[in-house]
Protein backbone atom coordinates (compact mmCIF):
# COMPACT_ATOMS: atom_id res chain seq x y z
CA UNK A 1 144.87 95.54 111.78
CA UNK A 2 147.19 95.17 108.84
CA UNK A 3 150.65 93.65 109.05
CA UNK A 4 152.30 97.09 109.02
CA UNK A 5 150.23 98.65 111.80
CA UNK A 6 152.34 97.48 114.78
CA UNK A 7 156.00 97.88 113.90
CA UNK A 8 158.18 97.46 116.98
CA UNK A 9 157.76 96.69 120.66
CA UNK A 10 159.88 96.33 123.76
CA UNK A 11 159.76 95.76 127.50
CA UNK A 12 162.27 97.72 129.57
CA UNK A 13 163.16 98.00 133.22
CA UNK A 14 164.07 101.60 133.80
CA UNK A 15 166.13 102.53 130.75
CA UNK A 16 167.39 98.98 130.05
CA UNK A 17 165.55 97.11 127.28
CA UNK A 18 164.89 93.53 128.42
CA UNK A 19 163.18 92.20 125.29
CA UNK A 20 162.17 93.57 121.92
CA UNK A 21 160.58 92.47 118.67
CA UNK A 22 160.14 93.72 115.13
CA UNK A 23 159.67 92.20 111.70
CA UNK A 24 160.84 95.37 109.97
CA UNK A 25 164.17 97.00 109.24
CA UNK A 26 164.88 100.55 110.26
CA UNK A 27 166.13 102.59 113.17
CA UNK A 28 163.01 102.09 115.30
CA UNK A 29 164.95 100.56 118.21
CA UNK A 30 167.47 103.41 118.36
CA UNK A 31 164.76 106.08 118.33
CA UNK A 32 162.70 104.15 120.89
CA UNK A 33 165.66 103.97 123.30
CA UNK A 34 166.24 107.72 122.90
CA UNK A 35 162.58 108.34 123.74
CA UNK A 36 162.79 105.94 126.68
CA UNK A 37 165.59 107.98 128.21
CA UNK A 38 163.47 111.15 128.00
CA UNK A 39 160.14 109.83 129.31
CA UNK A 40 158.41 112.07 131.84
CA UNK A 41 158.12 110.51 135.28
CA UNK A 42 154.69 112.01 135.90
CA UNK A 43 152.57 109.88 133.59
CA UNK A 44 151.70 106.20 133.22
CA UNK A 45 150.93 106.64 129.50
CA UNK A 46 152.90 108.63 126.99
CA UNK A 47 152.63 109.02 123.22
CA UNK A 48 155.16 110.60 120.89
CA UNK A 49 154.52 111.10 117.15
CA UNK A 50 157.25 111.24 114.53
CA UNK A 51 157.30 110.78 110.73
CA UNK A 52 153.92 109.02 110.53
CA UNK A 53 154.53 106.72 113.51
CA UNK A 54 153.44 106.82 117.13
CA UNK A 55 155.69 105.71 119.97
CA UNK A 56 153.24 104.53 122.63
CA UNK A 57 154.59 103.96 126.15
CA UNK A 58 152.88 102.36 129.13
CA UNK A 59 154.75 102.76 132.41
CA UNK A 60 154.01 100.32 135.23
CA UNK A 61 156.19 100.82 138.31
CA UNK A 62 159.77 100.32 137.09
CA UNK A 63 158.76 98.63 133.82
CA UNK A 64 158.16 100.40 130.52
CA UNK A 65 156.22 98.82 127.66
CA UNK A 66 156.42 100.27 124.14
CA UNK A 67 154.61 99.73 120.86
CA UNK A 68 155.51 101.71 117.75
CA UNK A 69 152.51 101.88 115.43
CA UNK A 70 151.48 103.47 112.18
CA UNK A 71 149.91 106.83 113.03
CA UNK A 72 146.72 105.86 111.18
CA UNK A 73 145.93 103.37 113.99
CA UNK A 74 145.07 106.17 116.38
CA UNK A 75 145.63 105.80 120.11
CA UNK A 76 143.28 103.05 121.31
CA UNK A 77 144.66 100.02 119.44
CA UNK A 78 148.33 100.60 120.40
CA UNK A 79 147.42 101.07 124.07
CA UNK A 80 145.22 97.97 124.05
CA UNK A 81 148.21 96.07 122.63
CA UNK A 82 150.42 97.52 125.35
CA UNK A 83 147.99 96.44 128.05
CA UNK A 84 148.02 92.91 126.68
CA UNK A 85 151.84 92.84 126.55
CA UNK A 86 151.97 94.14 130.12
CA UNK A 87 149.44 91.57 131.34
CA UNK A 88 151.25 88.71 129.56
CA UNK A 89 154.60 89.89 130.94
CA UNK A 90 153.21 90.08 134.49
CA UNK A 91 151.62 86.64 134.13
CA UNK A 92 154.85 85.04 132.89
CA UNK A 93 157.33 86.85 135.14
CA UNK A 94 155.25 88.16 138.02
CA UNK A 95 156.68 85.78 140.63
CA UNK A 96 160.26 86.59 139.61
CA UNK A 97 159.52 90.31 139.69
CA UNK A 98 157.99 90.12 143.16
CA UNK A 99 160.91 88.04 144.49
CA UNK A 100 163.53 90.33 142.93
CA UNK A 101 165.01 87.50 140.81
């Protein structure tokens, strides 16, 4: 993976972004939030392509995990990254989530 492959990521609860990260400038966060508000409720994985980038969403109960990647990465690498983010998030905050903190 090159440095430009994974561009932006966030963790959201519902439509509220809890944490995000990018090392790049651009309107990635604004577009990602717009996509977040339009996610279908019938799927646990969702991918949207725009201008050479993929917006890859993993939905787990009320939490939404996103990675924006260069389209050349395909689908597997972004979703493997999302699974790792989800697992790390659950490991760090699982007890708080379960207790409703």
